[in-house]
Amino acid sequence: MQLEGKVAVVTGAARGLGRAYAEAVALVGASVLAWDLNPCDETVGAIRAAGGVADAAAIDITDFDSCQAVAERALACFGRIDVLINNAALYGGLKGARFEQLEEAQWDAVMAVNVKGVWNACRAVVQPMRDSGGGSIINIASLAAVFGLPYGLDYVASKAAVIGMTRGMARELGRDKIRVNAIAPSAVMTEGTEEFFGEKFEKAKQVIASGQIIPRNLETADVTGTVLYLASDASAMVTGQTHMVDGGSWFL
């Protein structure tokens, strides 16, 4: 699954899964634009050290003007955009609570980043994809959206919205040869997941793994293969789908 000559944008690329996605697509030949509100120096440095091509831009995913500006920068640098990996999301620092006790400010922030941010990033890249004859949008959802994770309704609702947007955009963009798919991973062992579960992290790892047909916790490498498949021409006739990467804990 080669991506030679392709240009891939990865949002939320400063660390964790976003960084893993960026390094994975670069390894098979894509030029990478790492977008994040936080500095992506380590991500870009790792890609360049491995012989890849990468650039970074600071972006506020909740602001369409910011998204459009960095998309224009990507076009100026690389001339095209072929792949969008919509990974940016609020997750690690969220405070869990019963749904009626969630803080309204946190709810609004989650919806702004996890839902509106996905929409903004797609809006910013869709015309460049049309201009280059098509592309692949990969939205990162979550097992939480279909399992119904308790004490995190804001996150659950936002990732369910990502699945819905994926299906709607796939129907709109098929004639433009732009494929839109989602990936819904279980909890992947990243800094964000450890922050999310806090002092319950070790117990959560055990519970999650025991509920899977393949009873081990997911690492970043377990998800990047699905990203590469969806980014490449190997999935040329796949669109509107949500791909569960969860060790067999849920069948969609």
C-alpha atoms as a PDB file:
ATOM      1  CA  MET A   1       0.000   0.000   0.000  1.00  0.00           C
ATOM      2  CA  GLN A   2       2.196   2.763  -1.330  1.00  0.00           C
ATOM      3  CA  LEU A   3       1.404   6.477  -1.154  1.00  0.00           C
ATOM      4  CA  GLU A   4       4.213   7.786  -3.346  1.00  0.00           C
ATOM      5  CA  GLY A   5       3.333  11.178  -4.788  1.00  0.00           C
ATOM      6  CA  LYS A   6       0.439  11.678  -2.368  1.00  0.00           C
ATOM      7  CA  VAL A   7       0.074  14.493   0.152  1.00  0.00           C
ATOM      8  CA  ALA A   8      -1.522  13.635   3.485  1.00  0.00           C
ATOM      9  CA  VAL A   9      -2.826  16.003   6.148  1.00  0.00           C
ATOM     10  CA  VAL A  10      -2.981  14.664   9.706  1.00  0.00           C
ATOM     11  CA  THR A  11      -4.749  16.693  12.386  1.00  0.00           C
ATOM     12  CA  GLY A  12      -3.837  16.319  16.043  1.00  0.00           C
ATOM     13  CA  ALA A  13      -0.406  15.124  14.925  1.00  0.00           C
ATOM     14  CA  ALA A  14       1.722  16.374  17.831  1.00  0.00           C
ATOM     15  CA  ARG A  15       1.599  13.136  19.806  1.00  0.00           C
ATOM     16  CA  GLY A  16      -0.089   9.768  20.299  1.00  0.00           C
ATOM     17  CA  LEU A  17      -2.148   8.296  17.499  1.00  0.00           C
ATOM     18  CA  GLY A  18      -1.889  11.431  15.360  1.00  0.00           C
ATOM     19  CA  ARG A  19       1.867  11.216  15.370  1.00  0.00           C
ATOM     20  CA  ALA A  20       1.702   7.474  14.647  1.00  0.00           C
ATOM     21  CA  TYR A  21      -0.598   8.071  11.666  1.00  0.00           C
ATOM     22  CA  ALA A  22       1.694  10.785  10.307  1.00  0.00           C
ATOM     23  CA  GLU A  23       4.792   8.605  10.589  1.00  0.00           C
ATOM     24  CA  ALA A  24       2.998   5.616   9.047  1.00  0.00           C
ATOM     25  CA  VAL A  25       1.838   7.397   5.888  1.00  0.00           C
ATOM     26  CA  ALA A  26       5.247   9.057   5.513  1.00  0.00           C
ATOM     27  CA  LEU A  27       6.948   5.675   5.724  1.00  0.00           C
ATOM     28  CA  VAL A  28       5.112   4.509   2.597  1.00  0.00           C
ATOM     29  CA  GLY A  29       5.907   7.649   0.613  1.00  0.00           C
ATOM     30  CA  ALA A  30       3.376  10.359   1.396  1.00  0.00           C
ATOM     31  CA  SER A  31       4.425  13.932   2.011  1.00  0.00           C
ATOM     32  CA  VAL A  32       2.886  14.865   5.365  1.00  0.00           C
ATOM     33  CA  LEU A  33       1.343  18.032   6.738  1.00  0.00           C
ATOM     34  CA  ALA A  34       1.185  17.720  10.531  1.00  0.00           C
ATOM     35  CA  TRP A  35      -1.522  20.006  11.937  1.00  0.00           C
ATOM     36  CA  ASP A  36      -2.054  20.633  15.632  1.00  0.00           C
ATOM     37  CA  LEU A  37      -2.695  23.400  18.121  1.00  0.00           C
ATOM     38  CA  ASN A  38       0.483  22.181  19.848  1.00  0.00           C
ATOM     39  CA  PRO A  39       3.945  22.109  18.232  1.00  0.00           C
ATOM     40  CA  CYS A  40       4.589  19.161  15.905  1.00  0.00           C
ATOM     41  CA  ASP A  41       8.393  19.499  15.938  1.00  0.00           C
ATOM     42  CA  GLU A  42       8.951  15.952  17.213  1.00  0.00           C
ATOM     43  CA  THR A  43       6.609  14.438  14.636  1.00  0.00           C
ATOM     44  CA  VAL A  44       8.200  16.311  11.748  1.00  0.00           C
ATOM     45  CA  GLY A  45      11.689  15.596  13.056  1.00  0.00           C
ATOM     46  CA  ALA A  46      11.009  11.859  13.268  1.00  0.00           C
ATOM     47  CA  ILE A  47       9.639  11.761   9.727  1.00  0.00           C
ATOM     48  CA  ARG A  48      12.561  13.704   8.300  1.00  0.00           C
ATOM     49  CA  ALA A  49      15.073  11.582  10.232  1.00  0.00           C
ATOM     50  CA  ALA A  50      13.565   8.509   8.580  1.00  0.00           C
ATOM     51  CA  GLY A  51      14.019  10.098   5.151  1.00  0.00           C
ATOM     52  CA  GLY A  52      10.473  11.368   4.722  1.00  0.00           C
ATOM     53  CA  VAL A  53       8.999  14.727   3.788  1.00  0.00           C
ATOM     54  CA  ALA A  54       6.974  16.679   6.321  1.00  0.00           C
ATOM     55  CA  ASP A  55       5.927  20.157   7.331  1.00  0.00           C
ATOM     56  CA  ALA A  56       3.876  21.397  10.262  1.00  0.00           C
ATOM     57  CA  ALA A  57       1.366  24.138  10.927  1.00  0.00           C
ATOM     58  CA  ALA A  58      -0.344  25.417  14.040  1.00  0.00           C
ATOM     59  CA  ILE A  59      -4.095  25.194  13.628  1.00  0.00           C
ATOM     60  CA  ASP A  60      -7.229  25.917  15.628  1.00  0.00           C
ATOM     61  CA  ILE A  61      -9.519  23.222  14.300  1.00  0.00           C
ATOM     62  CA  THR A  62     -12.588  24.996  15.698  1.00  0.00           C
ATOM     63  CA  ASP A  63     -11.935  28.017  13.454  1.00  0.00           C
ATOM     64  CA  PHE A  64     -12.594  27.527   9.741  1.00  0.00           C
ATOM     65  CA  ASP A  65     -10.416  30.484   8.763  1.00  0.00           C
ATOM     66  CA  SER A  66      -7.484  28.808  10.519  1.00  0.00           C
ATOM     67  CA  CYS A  67      -8.181  25.527   8.707  1.00  0.00           C
ATOM     68  CA  GLN A  68      -8.468  27.245   5.351  1.00  0.00           C
ATOM     69  CA  ALA A  69      -5.261  29.201   5.879  1.00  0.00           C
ATOM     70  CA  VAL A  70      -3.191  26.102   6.613  1.00  0.00           C
ATOM     71  CA  ALA A  71      -4.819  24.247   3.706  1.00  0.00           C
ATOM     72  CA  GLU A  72      -3.697  27.066   1.435  1.00  0.00           C
ATOM     73  CA  ARG A  73      -0.212  26.781   2.926  1.00  0.00           C
ATOM     74  CA  ALA A  74      -0.251  23.051   2.163  1.00  0.00           C
ATOM     75  CA  LEU A  75      -1.152  23.765  -1.442  1.00  0.00           C
ATOM     76  CA  ALA A  76       1.612  26.349  -1.692  1.00  0.00           C
ATOM     77  CA  CYS A  77       4.163  23.855  -0.326  1.00  0.00           C
ATOM     78  CA  PHE A  78       3.054  20.642  -2.012  1.00  0.00           C
ATOM     79  CA  GLY A  79       0.579  21.589  -4.741  1.00  0.00           C
ATOM     80  CA  ARG A  80      -2.174  19.181  -3.747  1.00  0.00           C
ATOM     81  CA  ILE A  81      -3.985  17.388  -0.906  1.00  0.00           C
ATOM     82  CA  ASP A  82      -4.916  13.727  -1.367  1.00  0.00           C
ATOM     83  CA  VAL A  83      -5.559  12.381   2.132  1.00  0.00           C
ATOM     84  CA  LEU A  84      -7.044  13.862   5.296  1.00  0.00           C
ATOM     85  CA  ILE A  85      -6.729  11.955   8.568  1.00  0.00           C
ATOM     86  CA  ASN A  86      -9.149  13.731  10.882  1.00  0.00           C
ATOM     87  CA  ASN A  87      -7.649  12.768  14.223  1.00  0.00           C
ATOM     88  CA  ALA A  88      -7.734  15.942  16.364  1.00  0.00           C
ATOM     89  CA  ALA A  89     -10.033  15.534  19.358  1.00  0.00           C
ATOM     90  CA  LEU A  90     -10.483  16.330  23.022  1.00  0.00           C
ATOM     91  CA  TYR A  91     -10.007  13.110  24.969  1.00  0.00           C
ATOM     92  CA  GLY A  92      -7.146  12.789  27.439  1.00  0.00           C
ATOM     93  CA  GLY A  93      -7.973  15.748  29.662  1.00  0.00           C
ATOM     94  CA  LEU A  94     -11.730  15.221  29.879  1.00  0.00           C
ATOM     95  CA  LYS A  95     -13.397  14.908  33.276  1.00  0.00           C
ATOM     96  CA  GLY A  96     -15.826  12.001  33.396  1.00  0.00           C
ATOM     97  CA  ALA A  97     -19.125  12.256  35.236  1.00  0.00           C
ATOM     98  CA  ARG A  98     -22.721  11.123  35.108  1.00  0.00           C
ATOM     99  CA  PHE A  99     -24.298  12.753  32.079  1.00  0.00           C
ATOM    100  CA  GLU A 100     -26.406  15.198  34.107  1.00  0.00           C
ATOM    101  CA  GLN A 101     -23.314  16.332  36.017  1.00  0.00           C
ATOM    102  CA  LEU A 102     -21.002  16.977  33.080  1.00  0.00           C
ATOM    103  CA  GLU A 103     -19.753  20.529  32.907  1.00  0.00           C
ATOM    104  CA  GLU A 104     -21.494  22.517  30.189  1.00  0.00           C
ATOM    105  CA  ALA A 105     -18.250  24.255  29.215  1.00  0.00           C
ATOM    106  CA  GLN A 106     -16.564  20.893  28.662  1.00  0.00           C
ATOM    107  CA  TRP A 107     -19.546  19.653  26.606  1.00  0.00           C
ATOM    108  CA  ASP A 108     -19.329  22.710  24.365  1.00  0.00           C
ATOM    109  CA  ALA A 109     -15.557  22.366  23.962  1.00  0.00           C
ATOM    110  CA  VAL A 110     -15.863  18.677  23.022  1.00  0.00           C
ATOM    111  CA  MET A 111     -18.474  19.449  20.379  1.00  0.00           C
ATOM    112  CA  ALA A 112     -16.428  22.344  19.028  1.00  0.00           C
ATOM    113  CA  VAL A 113     -13.275  20.243  18.568  1.00  0.00           C
ATOM    114  CA  ASN A 114     -14.539  16.713  17.952  1.00  0.00           C
ATOM    115  CA  VAL A 115     -17.502  17.564  15.730  1.00  0.00           C
ATOM    116  CA  LYS A 116     -17.140  21.056  14.317  1.00  0.00           C
ATOM    117  CA  GLY A 117     -13.386  20.506  13.948  1.00  0.00           C
ATOM    118  CA  VAL A 118     -13.939  17.459  11.743  1.00  0.00           C
ATOM    119  CA  TRP A 119     -16.393  19.435   9.624  1.00  0.00           C
ATOM    120  CA  ASN A 120     -13.990  22.382   9.338  1.00  0.00           C
ATOM    121  CA  ALA A 121     -11.036  20.257   8.278  1.00  0.00           C
ATOM    122  CA  CYS A 122     -13.141  18.501   5.646  1.00  0.00           C
ATOM    123  CA  ARG A 123     -14.415  21.822   4.327  1.00  0.00           C
ATOM    124  CA  ALA A 124     -10.868  23.121   4.039  1.00  0.00           C
ATOM    125  CA  VAL A 125      -9.522  20.204   1.995  1.00  0.00           C
ATOM    126  CA  VAL A 126     -12.475  19.125  -0.119  1.00  0.00           C
ATOM    127  CA  GLN A 127     -11.962  21.585  -2.979  1.00  0.00           C
ATOM    128  CA  PRO A 128      -8.226  20.822  -3.302  1.00  0.00           C
ATOM    129  CA  MET A 129      -9.170  17.125  -3.409  1.00  0.00           C
ATOM    130  CA  ARG A 130     -11.708  17.805  -6.135  1.00  0.00           C
ATOM    131  CA  ASP A 131      -9.113  19.772  -8.061  1.00  0.00           C
ATOM    132  CA  SER A 132      -6.635  16.872  -7.937  1.00  0.00           C
ATOM    133  CA  GLY A 133      -9.220  14.321  -9.065  1.00  0.00           C
ATOM    134  CA  GLY A 134     -10.273  12.763  -5.768  1.00  0.00           C
ATOM    135  CA  GLY A 135      -8.978  11.743  -2.397  1.00  0.00           C
ATOM    136  CA  SER A 136      -9.556   9.918   0.859  1.00  0.00           C
ATOM    137  CA  ILE A 137     -10.934  11.362   4.098  1.00  0.00           C
ATOM    138  CA  ILE A 138     -10.418   9.212   7.182  1.00  0.00           C
ATOM    139  CA  ASN A 139     -12.354  10.352  10.235  1.00  0.00           C
ATOM    140  CA  ILE A 140     -11.275   8.955  13.597  1.00  0.00           C
ATOM    141  CA  ALA A 141     -14.327   7.913  15.600  1.00  0.00           C
ATOM    142  CA  SER A 142     -14.238   5.582  18.611  1.00  0.00           C
ATOM    143  CA  LEU A 143     -15.593   2.323  19.953  1.00  0.00           C
ATOM    144  CA  ALA A 144     -17.187   4.531  22.614  1.00  0.00           C
ATOM    145  CA  ALA A 145     -19.737   5.723  20.046  1.00  0.00           C
ATOM    146  CA  VAL A 146     -21.237   2.268  19.497  1.00  0.00           C
ATOM    147  CA  PHE A 147     -20.513   0.686  22.889  1.00  0.00           C
ATOM    148  CA  GLY A 148     -21.963   3.604  24.840  1.00  0.00           C
ATOM    149  CA  LEU A 149     -19.119   4.431  27.202  1.00  0.00           C
ATOM    150  CA  PRO A 150     -20.612   5.464  30.588  1.00  0.00           C
ATOM    151  CA  TYR A 151     -19.575   8.681  32.326  1.00  0.00           C
ATOM    152  CA  GLY A 152     -18.380  10.255  29.102  1.00  0.00           C
ATOM    153  CA  LEU A 153     -21.525  11.200  27.216  1.00  0.00           C
ATOM    154  CA  ASP A 154     -19.931  14.286  25.692  1.00  0.00           C
ATOM    155  CA  TYR A 155     -17.174  12.182  24.121  1.00  0.00           C
ATOM    156  CA  VAL A 156     -19.613   9.407  23.135  1.00  0.00           C
ATOM    157  CA  ALA A 157     -21.971  11.852  21.433  1.00  0.00           C
ATOM    158  CA  SER A 158     -19.155  13.582  19.577  1.00  0.00           C
ATOM    159  CA  LYS A 159     -17.782  10.330  18.161  1.00  0.00           C
ATOM    160  CA  ALA A 160     -21.258   9.141  17.185  1.00  0.00           C
ATOM    161  CA  ALA A 161     -21.580  12.401  15.265  1.00  0.00           C
ATOM    162  CA  VAL A 162     -18.303  11.619  13.471  1.00  0.00           C
ATOM    163  CA  ILE A 163     -19.774   8.325  12.239  1.00  0.00           C
ATOM    164  CA  GLY A 164     -22.912  10.109  11.045  1.00  0.00           C
ATOM    165  CA  MET A 165     -20.928  12.817   9.258  1.00  0.00           C
ATOM    166  CA  THR A 166     -18.806  10.136   7.601  1.00  0.00           C
ATOM    167  CA  ARG A 167     -21.867   8.483   6.113  1.00  0.00           C
ATOM    168  CA  GLY A 168     -23.432  11.742   4.969  1.00  0.00           C
ATOM    169  CA  MET A 169     -20.255  13.097   3.381  1.00  0.00           C
ATOM    170  CA  ALA A 170     -19.572   9.775   1.650  1.00  0.00           C
ATOM    171  CA  ARG A 171     -22.889  10.053  -0.175  1.00  0.00           C
ATOM    172  CA  GLU A 172     -22.223  13.665  -1.144  1.00  0.00           C
ATOM    173  CA  LEU A 173     -18.648  13.200  -2.327  1.00  0.00           C
ATOM    174  CA  GLY A 174     -18.730   9.904  -4.212  1.00  0.00           C
ATOM    175  CA  ARG A 175     -19.149  11.583  -7.585  1.00  0.00           C
ATOM    176  CA  ASP A 176     -16.076  13.692  -6.839  1.00  0.00           C
ATOM    177  CA  LYS A 177     -14.085  10.462  -6.356  1.00  0.00           C
ATOM    178  CA  ILE A 178     -13.541  11.400  -2.720  1.00  0.00           C
ATOM    179  CA  ARG A 179     -13.961   8.484  -0.338  1.00  0.00           C
ATOM    180  CA  VAL A 180     -14.971   9.111   3.279  1.00  0.00           C
ATOM    181  CA  ASN A 181     -14.543   6.425   5.913  1.00  0.00           C
ATOM    182  CA  ALA A 182     -14.208   6.235   9.691  1.00  0.00           C
ATOM    183  CA  ILE A 183     -12.098   4.175  12.053  1.00  0.00           C
ATOM    184  CA  ALA A 184     -13.488   3.334  15.483  1.00  0.00           C
ATOM    185  CA  PRO A 185     -10.671   2.005  17.677  1.00  0.00           C
ATOM    186  CA  SER A 186     -10.916   0.731  21.201  1.00  0.00           C
ATOM    187  CA  ALA A 187      -8.749   2.460  23.790  1.00  0.00           C
ATOM    188  CA  VAL A 188      -5.234   2.591  22.364  1.00  0.00           C
ATOM    189  CA  MET A 189      -2.354   2.725  24.805  1.00  0.00           C
ATOM    190  CA  THR A 190      -1.273   6.336  24.379  1.00  0.00           C
ATOM    191  CA  GLU A 191      -0.619   9.266  26.686  1.00  0.00           C
ATOM    192  CA  GLY A 192      -4.157  10.464  26.064  1.00  0.00           C
ATOM    193  CA  THR A 193      -5.711   7.183  27.170  1.00  0.00           C
ATOM    194  CA  GLU A 194      -3.628   7.149  30.339  1.00  0.00           C
ATOM    195  CA  GLU A 195      -4.729  10.723  31.066  1.00  0.00           C
ATOM    196  CA  PHE A 196      -8.372   9.845  30.378  1.00  0.00           C
ATOM    197  CA  PHE A 197      -8.478   6.964  32.886  1.00  0.00           C
ATOM    198  CA  GLY A 198      -6.096   8.556  35.373  1.00  0.00           C
ATOM    199  CA  GLU A 199      -5.575   6.492  38.506  1.00  0.00           C
ATOM    200  CA  LYS A 200      -7.896   3.796  37.105  1.00  0.00           C
ATOM    201  CA  PHE A 201      -5.682   3.247  34.052  1.00  0.00           C
ATOM    202  CA  GLU A 202      -4.240  -0.156  35.020  1.00  0.00           C
ATOM    203  CA  LYS A 203      -7.665  -1.502  35.994  1.00  0.00           C
ATOM    204  CA  ALA A 204      -9.188  -0.100  32.798  1.00  0.00           C
ATOM    205  CA  LYS A 205      -6.538  -1.860  30.709  1.00  0.00           C
ATOM    206  CA  GLN A 206      -7.463  -5.193  32.260  1.00  0.00           C
ATOM    207  CA  VAL A 207     -11.200  -4.688  31.820  1.00  0.00           C
ATOM    208  CA  ILE A 208     -10.861  -3.558  28.212  1.00  0.00           C
ATOM    209  CA  ALA A 209      -8.593  -6.441  27.190  1.00  0.00           C
ATOM    210  CA  SER A 210     -10.782  -9.032  28.921  1.00  0.00           C
ATOM    211  CA  GLY A 211     -13.803  -7.874  26.910  1.00  0.00           C
ATOM    212  CA  GLN A 212     -12.116  -8.497  23.563  1.00  0.00           C
ATOM    213  CA  ILE A 213     -11.941 -11.663  21.484  1.00  0.00           C
ATOM    214  CA  ILE A 214      -8.244 -10.909  21.075  1.00  0.00           C
ATOM    215  CA  PRO A 215      -7.490 -10.236  24.745  1.00  0.00           C
ATOM    216  CA  ARG A 216      -4.709  -7.673  24.662  1.00  0.00           C
ATOM    217  CA  ASN A 217      -4.641  -3.895  24.659  1.00  0.00           C
ATOM    218  CA  LEU A 218      -4.239  -2.014  21.417  1.00  0.00           C
ATOM    219  CA  GLU A 219      -1.019  -0.211  20.568  1.00  0.00           C
ATOM    220  CA  THR A 220      -0.690   2.480  17.899  1.00  0.00           C
ATOM    221  CA  ALA A 221       0.681  -0.030  15.371  1.00  0.00           C
ATOM    222  CA  ASP A 222      -2.595  -1.952  15.583  1.00  0.00           C
ATOM    223  CA  VAL A 223      -4.480   0.994  14.072  1.00  0.00           C
ATOM    224  CA  THR A 224      -2.048   2.387  11.500  1.00  0.00           C
ATOM    225  CA  GLY A 225      -2.549  -0.535   9.121  1.00  0.00           C
ATOM    226  CA  THR A 226      -6.227   0.352   8.718  1.00  0.00           C
ATOM    227  CA  VAL A 227      -5.271   3.978   8.081  1.00  0.00           C
ATOM    228  CA  LEU A 228      -2.828   2.936   5.354  1.00  0.00           C
ATOM    229  CA  TYR A 229      -5.475   0.740   3.731  1.00  0.00           C
ATOM    230  CA  LEU A 230      -8.054   3.539   3.675  1.00  0.00           C
ATOM    231  CA  ALA A 231      -5.529   6.128   2.470  1.00  0.00           C
ATOM    232  CA  SER A 232      -4.367   3.968  -0.420  1.00  0.00           C
ATOM    233  CA  ASP A 233      -5.908   2.789  -3.671  1.00  0.00           C
ATOM    234  CA  ALA A 234      -6.309  -0.658  -2.080  1.00  0.00           C
ATOM    235  CA  SER A 235      -9.634   0.672  -0.733  1.00  0.00           C
ATOM    236  CA  ALA A 236     -10.697   2.375  -3.973  1.00  0.00           C
ATOM    237  CA  MET A 237     -14.286   1.083  -3.713  1.00  0.00           C
ATOM    238  CA  VAL A 238     -14.702   1.494   0.037  1.00  0.00           C
ATOM    239  CA  THR A 239     -16.626   4.516   1.282  1.00  0.00           C
ATOM    240  CA  GLY A 240     -19.095   5.417   4.019  1.00  0.00           C
ATOM    241  CA  GLN A 241     -17.830   2.617   6.261  1.00  0.00           C
ATOM    242  CA  THR A 242     -16.849   2.571   9.915  1.00  0.00           C
ATOM    243  CA  HIS A 243     -14.009   0.151  10.538  1.00  0.00           C
ATOM    244  CA  MET A 244     -13.869  -1.258  14.050  1.00  0.00           C
ATOM    245  CA  VAL A 245     -10.318  -1.802  15.313  1.00  0.00           C
ATOM    246  CA  ASP A 246     -11.016  -3.158  18.760  1.00  0.00           C
ATOM    247  CA  GLY A 247      -9.775  -6.722  19.111  1.00  0.00           C
ATOM    248  CA  GLY A 248     -13.277  -8.004  18.451  1.00  0.00           C
ATOM    249  CA  SER A 249     -15.103  -6.355  21.332  1.00  0.00           C
ATOM    250  CA  TRP A 250     -17.949  -5.083  19.167  1.00  0.00           C
ATOM    251  CA  PHE A 251     -19.440  -6.119  15.811  1.00  0.00           C
ATOM    252  CA  LEU A 252     -20.875  -3.286  13.728  1.00  0.00           C
END
